[in-house]
């Protein structure tokens, strides 16, 4: 077993200094208190949520660009109203045929 001194980075969080405008600190403190958290815990949670949002946005854009390339490659496009009708029916548990590509 490794001594704890070799595992310190595994167990300890990295320390970061964050300088906040006084007005923002004043806004955060009561919000954190109202949720039963320290300002530190509230800010860590907020940063985690914002990072997750940014990652989802990045993945969404990547998926959109991939879909755009697929359309360019295959030439298949679908009318939005056909896709919406199909998705609504599927969400309602109905069996429905997939929409057919549009012909322009």
Protein backbone atom coordinates (compact mmCIF):
# COMPACT_ATOMS: atom_id res chain seq x y z
CA UNK A 1 0.00 0.00 0.00
CA UNK A 2 1.29 3.46 -0.89
CA UNK A 3 1.87 5.97 1.91
CA UNK A 4 -0.78 8.72 2.10
CA UNK A 5 1.74 11.36 1.01
CA UNK A 6 1.74 9.76 -2.46
CA UNK A 7 -2.06 9.83 -2.63
CA UNK A 8 -2.60 13.44 -1.50
CA UNK A 9 -3.69 14.58 -4.99
CA UNK A 10 -6.20 11.74 -5.10
CA UNK A 11 -7.87 12.75 -1.83
CA UNK A 12 -7.43 16.52 -1.77
CA UNK A 13 -9.27 18.97 -3.97
CA UNK A 14 -7.23 21.52 -5.84
CA UNK A 15 -7.25 24.95 -4.26
CA UNK A 16 -8.18 27.94 -6.41
CA UNK A 17 -8.40 31.59 -5.47
CA UNK A 18 -11.37 33.38 -6.92
CA UNK A 19 -11.66 37.12 -6.50
CA UNK A 20 -15.28 38.22 -6.55
CA UNK A 21 -16.72 41.70 -6.72
CA UNK A 22 -18.09 42.66 -3.30
CA UNK A 23 -21.62 43.05 -4.69
CA UNK A 24 -21.56 39.49 -6.04
CA UNK A 25 -20.31 38.13 -2.70
CA UNK A 26 -23.20 39.96 -1.00
CA UNK A 27 -25.67 38.35 -3.39
CA UNK A 28 -24.24 34.85 -2.98
CA UNK A 29 -24.17 34.74 0.83
CA UNK A 30 -27.97 34.91 1.41
CA UNK A 31 -28.66 32.58 -1.51
CA UNK A 32 -26.30 29.99 -0.07
CA UNK A 33 -27.76 30.42 3.43
CA UNK A 34 -31.29 29.97 2.12
CA UNK A 35 -30.24 26.59 0.73
CA UNK A 36 -28.43 25.57 3.90
CA UNK A 37 -25.03 25.78 2.25
CA UNK A 38 -21.86 27.71 2.72
CA UNK A 39 -21.01 30.28 0.04
CA UNK A 40 -18.11 28.01 -0.94
CA UNK A 41 -20.37 24.97 -1.41
CA UNK A 42 -22.92 27.07 -3.28
CA UNK A 43 -20.24 28.39 -5.67
CA UNK A 44 -18.76 24.93 -6.26
CA UNK A 45 -22.24 23.63 -7.09
CA UNK A 46 -22.88 26.60 -9.40
CA UNK A 47 -19.58 26.06 -11.22
CA UNK A 48 -20.32 22.35 -11.60
CA UNK A 49 -23.77 23.12 -13.06
CA UNK A 50 -22.34 25.70 -15.45
CA UNK A 51 -19.56 23.34 -16.58
CA UNK A 52 -22.13 20.59 -17.22
CA UNK A 53 -24.28 23.03 -19.21
CA UNK A 54 -21.29 24.10 -21.31
CA UNK A 55 -20.40 20.45 -21.97
CA UNK A 56 -23.98 19.67 -23.06
CA UNK A 57 -24.01 22.72 -25.32
CA UNK A 58 -20.71 21.66 -26.89
CA UNK A 59 -22.06 18.13 -27.49
CA UNK A 60 -25.28 19.58 -28.97
CA UNK A 61 -23.32 21.71 -31.43
CA UNK A 62 -21.11 18.74 -32.35
CA UNK A 63 -24.22 16.60 -32.98
CA UNK A 64 -25.74 19.35 -35.13
CA UNK A 65 -22.57 19.64 -37.21
CA UNK A 66 -22.48 15.86 -37.64
CA UNK A 67 -26.13 15.88 -38.74
CA UNK A 68 -25.39 18.68 -41.20
CA UNK A 69 -22.56 16.64 -42.73
CA UNK A 70 -24.85 13.62 -42.97
CA UNK A 71 -27.44 15.68 -44.86
CA UNK A 72 -24.74 16.97 -47.20
CA UNK A 73 -23.48 13.40 -47.73
CA UNK A 74 -26.83 11.64 -48.18
CA UNK A 75 -28.98 14.47 -49.50
CA UNK A 76 -31.82 13.29 -47.24
CA UNK A 77 -33.88 15.99 -45.58
CA UNK A 78 -37.15 15.74 -43.68
CA UNK A 79 -39.94 18.26 -43.30
CA UNK A 80 -40.10 19.50 -39.71
CA UNK A 81 -43.86 19.00 -39.46
CA UNK A 82 -43.51 15.34 -40.53
CA UNK A 83 -40.82 14.73 -37.93
CA UNK A 84 -42.85 16.51 -35.22
CA UNK A 85 -45.96 14.48 -36.05
CA UNK A 86 -43.89 11.26 -35.91
CA UNK A 87 -42.30 12.18 -32.57
CA UNK A 88 -45.63 13.18 -31.00
CA UNK A 89 -47.17 9.87 -32.06
CA UNK A 90 -44.20 7.88 -30.71
CA UNK A 91 -44.30 9.81 -27.42
CA UNK A 92 -48.00 8.90 -27.16
CA UNK A 93 -47.07 5.22 -27.54
CA UNK A 94 -48.53 4.84 -31.01
CA UNK A 95 -46.96 2.76 -33.75
CA UNK A 96 -46.30 5.01 -36.67
CA UNK A 97 -44.31 4.85 -39.90
CA UNK A 98 -41.13 6.87 -40.06
CA UNK A 99 -41.38 10.04 -42.12
CA UNK A 100 -40.15 9.87 -45.67
CA UNK A 101 -37.42 12.20 -46.91
CA UNK A 102 -38.73 15.35 -48.55
CA UNK A 103 -38.39 15.84 -52.27
CA UNK A 104 -37.51 19.38 -53.21
